[in-house]
Amino acid sequence: MTRMKATALAITVSTLLACQHSPAPTAPTEPVAGRVTVAPAESAGVEGSTTGGGHYLLQNAFDTQFAFSAVLHGDGSATGNFHQRLESGTGTVDFRGRVTCMAVDAANHRAWVGGVIEKNESTDPSFLAPQHQVGHDIWFRVLDNGQAEAATDRTTFVGFEGVIPSSAAYCHDRIWPDDNARTWPVTSGNITVKP
């Protein structure tokens, strides 16, 4: 990748993250293998869940590996984990997180997943700022378009503290821009959202 394209990616990703309104204690997941485990349901029951794994095209250009599992419990708590990784041209972007909140729009097959960074193995300088470090909030949102061959599931890149102050605010606000803006098509794998 040329230096110009890498710089354009860093600027575009930074802009997307600033604009993006997309905010089970289990072992971290490997995105390629898609190993995701879900904590057993709490006694309050399960209100919703979402799982997924595979690849998507960030900005329709950068192959991104992802894996996640999140469960919304009847008491309002959420558990699970997630992992996203890509090569940006200026380094690796690699985050693992623990789910702390979740919201589901069952009618439209959408979910918002928020959490806390448990590991940042990024080498890309654009992802080494204080808000990218362990203990800070991180989030994303997904769309399950079903199993039809023509339907493509979609996901966002991860968002960080800034315009949206926390994962809890992200899950509470449930922002979804028109025309699925800032979501990217899954090129292999699957996303499932269940009420």
C-alpha atoms as a PDB file:
ATOM      1  CA  MET A   1       0.000   0.000   0.000  1.00  0.00           C
ATOM      2  CA  THR A   2       1.344   3.414  -0.856  1.00  0.00           C
ATOM      3  CA  ARG A   3       2.109   5.959   1.838  1.00  0.00           C
ATOM      4  CA  MET A   4      -0.624   8.181   0.391  1.00  0.00           C
ATOM      5  CA  LYS A   5      -3.267   5.436   0.712  1.00  0.00           C
ATOM      6  CA  ALA A   6      -2.114   4.613   4.257  1.00  0.00           C
ATOM      7  CA  THR A   7      -2.369   8.267   5.244  1.00  0.00           C
ATOM      8  CA  ALA A   8      -5.822   8.484   3.630  1.00  0.00           C
ATOM      9  CA  LEU A   9      -6.924   5.413   5.609  1.00  0.00           C
ATOM     10  CA  ALA A  10      -5.699   6.889   8.899  1.00  0.00           C
ATOM     11  CA  ILE A  11      -7.497  10.175   8.206  1.00  0.00           C
ATOM     12  CA  THR A  12     -10.702   8.471   7.065  1.00  0.00           C
ATOM     13  CA  VAL A  13     -10.758   6.036  10.007  1.00  0.00           C
ATOM     14  CA  SER A  14     -10.123   8.908  12.436  1.00  0.00           C
ATOM     15  CA  THR A  15     -12.965  10.867  10.842  1.00  0.00           C
ATOM     16  CA  LEU A  16     -15.293   7.860  10.933  1.00  0.00           C
ATOM     17  CA  LEU A  17     -14.487   7.225  14.568  1.00  0.00           C
ATOM     18  CA  ALA A  18     -15.167  10.848  15.450  1.00  0.00           C
ATOM     19  CA  CYS A  19     -18.505  10.732  13.622  1.00  0.00           C
ATOM     20  CA  GLN A  20     -19.487   7.127  14.313  1.00  0.00           C
ATOM     21  CA  HIS A  21     -22.429   6.730  16.613  1.00  0.00           C
ATOM     22  CA  SER A  22     -21.746   3.094  17.116  1.00  0.00           C
ATOM     23  CA  PRO A  23     -20.603   2.614  20.928  1.00  0.00           C
ATOM     24  CA  ALA A  24     -19.510 -13.164  29.805  1.00  0.00           C
ATOM     25  CA  PRO A  25     -16.345 -13.107  31.083  1.00  0.00           C
ATOM     26  CA  THR A  26     -14.916 -15.440  28.491  1.00  0.00           C
ATOM     27  CA  ALA A  27     -11.533 -15.862  26.899  1.00  0.00           C
ATOM     28  CA  PRO A  28     -10.690 -13.447  24.077  1.00  0.00           C
ATOM     29  CA  THR A  29     -11.623 -14.651  20.618  1.00  0.00           C
ATOM     30  CA  GLU A  30      -9.594 -15.300  17.516  1.00  0.00           C
ATOM     31  CA  PRO A  31     -11.263 -13.609  14.557  1.00  0.00           C
ATOM     32  CA  VAL A  32     -10.025 -16.001  11.879  1.00  0.00           C
ATOM     33  CA  ALA A  33     -11.131 -19.132  13.664  1.00  0.00           C
ATOM     34  CA  GLY A  34     -14.248 -17.437  14.990  1.00  0.00           C
ATOM     35  CA  ARG A  35     -13.939 -19.142  18.385  1.00  0.00           C
ATOM     36  CA  VAL A  36     -16.492 -17.434  20.559  1.00  0.00           C
ATOM     37  CA  THR A  37     -17.935 -18.701  23.783  1.00  0.00           C
ATOM     38  CA  VAL A  38     -20.996 -17.375  25.527  1.00  0.00           C
ATOM     39  CA  ALA A  39     -21.389 -17.258  29.278  1.00  0.00           C
ATOM     40  CA  PRO A  40     -24.352 -19.229  30.595  1.00  0.00           C
ATOM     41  CA  ALA A  41     -27.579 -17.248  30.933  1.00  0.00           C
ATOM     42  CA  GLU A  42     -28.138 -15.564  34.276  1.00  0.00           C
ATOM     43  CA  SER A  43     -31.130 -16.587  36.361  1.00  0.00           C
ATOM     44  CA  ALA A  44     -32.951 -13.487  35.056  1.00  0.00           C
ATOM     45  CA  GLY A  45     -33.035 -15.051  31.578  1.00  0.00           C
ATOM     46  CA  VAL A  46     -31.773 -13.907  28.222  1.00  0.00           C
ATOM     47  CA  GLU A  47     -33.335 -10.870  26.535  1.00  0.00           C
ATOM     48  CA  GLY A  48     -31.244 -11.010  23.373  1.00  0.00           C
ATOM     49  CA  SER A  49     -27.988 -12.117  21.851  1.00  0.00           C
ATOM     50  CA  THR A  50     -25.738 -11.525  18.893  1.00  0.00           C
ATOM     51  CA  THR A  51     -22.835 -13.514  17.513  1.00  0.00           C
ATOM     52  CA  GLY A  52     -20.676 -13.280  14.457  1.00  0.00           C
ATOM     53  CA  GLY A  53     -17.350 -13.960  12.874  1.00  0.00           C
ATOM     54  CA  GLY A  54     -15.567 -13.694   9.575  1.00  0.00           C
ATOM     55  CA  HIS A  55     -14.335 -10.817   7.432  1.00  0.00           C
ATOM     56  CA  TYR A  56     -15.728  -7.463   6.320  1.00  0.00           C
ATOM     57  CA  LEU A  57     -14.400  -4.687   4.101  1.00  0.00           C
ATOM     58  CA  LEU A  58     -13.729  -1.512   6.069  1.00  0.00           C
ATOM     59  CA  GLN A  59     -14.285   1.408   3.669  1.00  0.00           C
ATOM     60  CA  ASN A  60     -14.945  -1.286   1.063  1.00  0.00           C
ATOM     61  CA  ALA A  61     -11.164  -1.672   0.821  1.00  0.00           C
ATOM     62  CA  PHE A  62      -9.496  -3.038   3.979  1.00  0.00           C
ATOM     63  CA  ASP A  63     -10.048  -6.690   4.871  1.00  0.00           C
ATOM     64  CA  THR A  64     -10.962  -6.800   8.563  1.00  0.00           C
ATOM     65  CA  GLN A  65     -11.259  -9.976  10.623  1.00  0.00           C
ATOM     66  CA  PHE A  66     -13.872 -10.026  13.359  1.00  0.00           C
ATOM     67  CA  ALA A  67     -15.404 -12.323  15.957  1.00  0.00           C
ATOM     68  CA  PHE A  68     -17.859 -11.515  18.719  1.00  0.00           C
ATOM     69  CA  SER A  69     -20.488 -12.886  21.050  1.00  0.00           C
ATOM     70  CA  ALA A  70     -22.774 -10.863  23.303  1.00  0.00           C
ATOM     71  CA  VAL A  71     -25.718 -11.781  25.530  1.00  0.00           C
ATOM     72  CA  LEU A  72     -28.201  -9.315  27.023  1.00  0.00           C
ATOM     73  CA  HIS A  73     -29.534 -10.721  30.296  1.00  0.00           C
ATOM     74  CA  GLY A  74     -32.964 -10.091  31.798  1.00  0.00           C
ATOM     75  CA  ASP A  75     -31.486  -7.923  34.550  1.00  0.00           C
ATOM     76  CA  GLY A  76     -30.042  -5.524  31.938  1.00  0.00           C
ATOM     77  CA  SER A  77     -26.455  -6.729  32.236  1.00  0.00           C
ATOM     78  CA  ALA A  78     -24.511  -7.964  29.221  1.00  0.00           C
ATOM     79  CA  THR A  79     -21.670 -10.438  28.828  1.00  0.00           C
ATOM     80  CA  GLY A  80     -19.437 -11.604  26.010  1.00  0.00           C
ATOM     81  CA  ASN A  81     -16.296 -10.670  24.121  1.00  0.00           C
ATOM     82  CA  PHE A  82     -15.097  -9.428  20.739  1.00  0.00           C
ATOM     83  CA  HIS A  83     -12.023  -9.042  18.543  1.00  0.00           C
ATOM     84  CA  GLN A  84     -11.292  -6.986  15.417  1.00  0.00           C
ATOM     85  CA  ARG A  85      -8.050  -6.973  13.413  1.00  0.00           C
ATOM     86  CA  LEU A  86      -6.808  -5.448  10.168  1.00  0.00           C
ATOM     87  CA  GLU A  87      -3.619  -4.388   8.429  1.00  0.00           C
ATOM     88  CA  SER A  88      -3.840  -0.668   7.669  1.00  0.00           C
ATOM     89  CA  GLY A  89      -0.693  -0.126   5.613  1.00  0.00           C
ATOM     90  CA  THR A  90       0.877   1.807   8.497  1.00  0.00           C
ATOM     91  CA  GLY A  91       0.608  -1.121  10.890  1.00  0.00           C
ATOM     92  CA  THR A  92      -1.784  -3.507  12.533  1.00  0.00           C
ATOM     93  CA  VAL A  93      -5.048  -2.475  14.177  1.00  0.00           C
ATOM     94  CA  ASP A  94      -5.973  -5.173  16.703  1.00  0.00           C
ATOM     95  CA  PHE A  95      -8.411  -4.827  19.611  1.00  0.00           C
ATOM     96  CA  ARG A  96      -9.934  -7.338  22.027  1.00  0.00           C
ATOM     97  CA  GLY A  97     -12.736  -6.352  24.359  1.00  0.00           C
ATOM     98  CA  ARG A  98     -15.122  -7.563  27.029  1.00  0.00           C
ATOM     99  CA  VAL A  99     -18.835  -6.803  26.564  1.00  0.00           C
ATOM    100  CA  THR A 100     -20.402  -4.561  29.212  1.00  0.00           C
ATOM    101  CA  CYS A 101     -23.618  -3.461  27.476  1.00  0.00           C
ATOM    102  CA  MET A 102     -25.867  -4.401  24.590  1.00  0.00           C
ATOM    103  CA  ALA A 103     -29.058  -3.240  22.917  1.00  0.00           C
ATOM    104  CA  VAL A 104     -31.202  -5.080  20.358  1.00  0.00           C
ATOM    105  CA  ASP A 105     -33.671  -3.831  17.736  1.00  0.00           C
ATOM    106  CA  ALA A 106     -35.440  -7.128  17.016  1.00  0.00           C
ATOM    107  CA  ALA A 107     -37.721  -5.698  14.329  1.00  0.00           C
ATOM    108  CA  ASN A 108     -34.784  -4.547  12.203  1.00  0.00           C
ATOM    109  CA  HIS A 109     -32.311  -7.289  13.227  1.00  0.00           C
ATOM    110  CA  ARG A 110     -29.797  -4.792  14.611  1.00  0.00           C
ATOM    111  CA  ALA A 111     -27.617  -4.804  17.719  1.00  0.00           C
ATOM    112  CA  TRP A 112     -25.319  -2.370  19.482  1.00  0.00           C
ATOM    113  CA  VAL A 113     -22.460  -3.853  21.508  1.00  0.00           C
ATOM    114  CA  GLY A 114     -20.328  -1.886  23.941  1.00  0.00           C
ATOM    115  CA  GLY A 115     -17.508  -2.906  26.177  1.00  0.00           C
ATOM    116  CA  VAL A 116     -14.085  -2.216  27.531  1.00  0.00           C
ATOM    117  CA  ILE A 117     -10.715  -2.743  25.846  1.00  0.00           C
ATOM    118  CA  GLU A 118      -8.917  -5.732  27.340  1.00  0.00           C
ATOM    119  CA  LYS A 119      -6.022  -5.837  24.891  1.00  0.00           C
ATOM    120  CA  ASN A 120      -4.670  -3.466  22.249  1.00  0.00           C
ATOM    121  CA  GLU A 121      -2.081  -5.197  20.081  1.00  0.00           C
ATOM    122  CA  SER A 122      -2.119  -2.437  17.458  1.00  0.00           C
ATOM    123  CA  THR A 123       1.089  -1.111  15.920  1.00  0.00           C
ATOM    124  CA  ASP A 124      -0.600   1.530  13.746  1.00  0.00           C
ATOM    125  CA  PRO A 125       0.270   4.880  15.392  1.00  0.00           C
ATOM    126  CA  SER A 126      -3.300   6.136  14.842  1.00  0.00           C
ATOM    127  CA  PHE A 127      -4.517   3.576  17.406  1.00  0.00           C
ATOM    128  CA  LEU A 128      -2.057   4.119  20.245  1.00  0.00           C
ATOM    129  CA  ALA A 129      -3.684   7.203  21.834  1.00  0.00           C
ATOM    130  CA  PRO A 130      -4.940   7.199  25.437  1.00  0.00           C
ATOM    131  CA  GLN A 131      -8.546   6.344  24.425  1.00  0.00           C
ATOM    132  CA  HIS A 132      -7.244   3.200  22.692  1.00  0.00           C
ATOM    133  CA  GLN A 133      -5.644   1.743  25.813  1.00  0.00           C
ATOM    134  CA  VAL A 134      -6.767  -1.097  28.085  1.00  0.00           C
ATOM    135  CA  GLY A 135      -9.641  -0.117  30.356  1.00  0.00           C
ATOM    136  CA  HIS A 136     -11.195   2.424  27.976  1.00  0.00           C
ATOM    137  CA  ASP A 137     -14.585   1.982  26.343  1.00  0.00           C
ATOM    138  CA  ILE A 138     -15.026   0.545  22.835  1.00  0.00           C
ATOM    139  CA  TRP A 139     -18.124  -0.355  20.764  1.00  0.00           C
ATOM    140  CA  PHE A 140     -19.614  -1.412  17.419  1.00  0.00           C
ATOM    141  CA  ARG A 141     -22.983  -2.219  15.842  1.00  0.00           C
ATOM    142  CA  VAL A 142     -24.183  -5.001  13.558  1.00  0.00           C
ATOM    143  CA  LEU A 143     -26.992  -5.851  11.137  1.00  0.00           C
ATOM    144  CA  ASP A 144     -28.248  -9.402  10.543  1.00  0.00           C
ATOM    145  CA  ASN A 145     -29.786  -9.563   7.061  1.00  0.00           C
ATOM    146  CA  GLY A 146     -30.782 -13.213   7.421  1.00  0.00           C
ATOM    147  CA  GLN A 147     -29.590 -16.315   5.638  1.00  0.00           C
ATOM    148  CA  ALA A 148     -30.718 -15.512   2.078  1.00  0.00           C
ATOM    149  CA  GLU A 149     -27.900 -15.706  -0.436  1.00  0.00           C
ATOM    150  CA  ALA A 150     -28.513 -12.150  -1.677  1.00  0.00           C
ATOM    151  CA  ALA A 151     -28.601 -10.685   1.841  1.00  0.00           C
ATOM    152  CA  THR A 152     -25.362  -9.321   3.217  1.00  0.00           C
ATOM    153  CA  ASP A 153     -24.806  -8.844   6.946  1.00  0.00           C
ATOM    154  CA  ARG A 154     -23.078  -5.622   7.946  1.00  0.00           C
ATOM    155  CA  THR A 155     -20.923  -4.344  10.807  1.00  0.00           C
ATOM    156  CA  THR A 156     -19.107  -1.203  11.835  1.00  0.00           C
ATOM    157  CA  PHE A 157     -15.500  -0.709  12.764  1.00  0.00           C
ATOM    158  CA  VAL A 158     -14.976  -0.184  16.493  1.00  0.00           C
ATOM    159  CA  GLY A 159     -15.628   3.230  18.030  1.00  0.00           C
ATOM    160  CA  PHE A 160     -13.839   4.832  20.956  1.00  0.00           C
ATOM    161  CA  GLU A 161     -14.474   7.392  23.715  1.00  0.00           C
ATOM    162  CA  GLY A 162     -14.873  10.896  22.337  1.00  0.00           C
ATOM    163  CA  VAL A 163     -18.067  12.246  20.740  1.00  0.00           C
ATOM    164  CA  ILE A 164     -19.854   9.411  22.527  1.00  0.00           C
ATOM    165  CA  PRO A 165     -18.497   9.382  26.084  1.00  0.00           C
ATOM    166  CA  SER A 166     -18.978   5.720  27.025  1.00  0.00           C
ATOM    167  CA  SER A 167     -20.175   2.289  26.010  1.00  0.00           C
ATOM    168  CA  ALA A 168     -23.188   2.710  28.284  1.00  0.00           C
ATOM    169  CA  ALA A 169     -24.187   5.908  26.431  1.00  0.00           C
ATOM    170  CA  TYR A 170     -23.655   4.149  23.092  1.00  0.00           C
ATOM    171  CA  CYS A 171     -25.925   1.217  24.008  1.00  0.00           C
ATOM    172  CA  HIS A 172     -28.521   3.541  25.540  1.00  0.00           C
ATOM    173  CA  ASP A 173     -28.705   5.936  22.552  1.00  0.00           C
ATOM    174  CA  ARG A 174     -28.953   3.154  19.923  1.00  0.00           C
ATOM    175  CA  ILE A 175     -28.056   5.491  17.078  1.00  0.00           C
ATOM    176  CA  TRP A 176     -28.430   4.047  13.591  1.00  0.00           C
ATOM    177  CA  PRO A 177     -27.808   6.440  10.681  1.00  0.00           C
ATOM    178  CA  ASP A 178     -29.981   6.265   7.563  1.00  0.00           C
ATOM    179  CA  ASP A 179     -29.042   3.850   4.778  1.00  0.00           C
ATOM    180  CA  ASN A 180     -26.868   1.805   7.182  1.00  0.00           C
ATOM    181  CA  ALA A 181     -24.201   4.529   6.999  1.00  0.00           C
ATOM    182  CA  ARG A 182     -20.753   3.583   8.302  1.00  0.00           C
ATOM    183  CA  THR A 183     -21.547  -0.137   8.251  1.00  0.00           C
ATOM    184  CA  TRP A 184     -19.521  -2.420   6.003  1.00  0.00           C
ATOM    185  CA  PRO A 185     -20.517  -5.600   4.154  1.00  0.00           C
ATOM    186  CA  VAL A 186     -19.487  -8.963   5.586  1.00  0.00           C
ATOM    187  CA  THR A 187     -17.567 -10.733   2.807  1.00  0.00           C
ATOM    188  CA  SER A 188     -17.290 -14.094   4.540  1.00  0.00           C
ATOM    189  CA  GLY A 189     -18.831 -15.393   7.721  1.00  0.00           C
ATOM    190  CA  ASN A 190     -22.117 -14.545   9.384  1.00  0.00           C
ATOM    191  CA  ILE A 191     -23.820 -12.303  11.932  1.00  0.00           C
ATOM    192  CA  THR A 192     -26.850 -13.404  13.949  1.00  0.00           C
ATOM    193  CA  VAL A 193     -29.058 -11.132  16.077  1.00  0.00           C
ATOM    194  CA  LYS A 194     -31.725 -12.755  18.245  1.00  0.00           C
ATOM    195  CA  PRO A 195     -34.347 -11.019  20.421  1.00  0.00           C
END
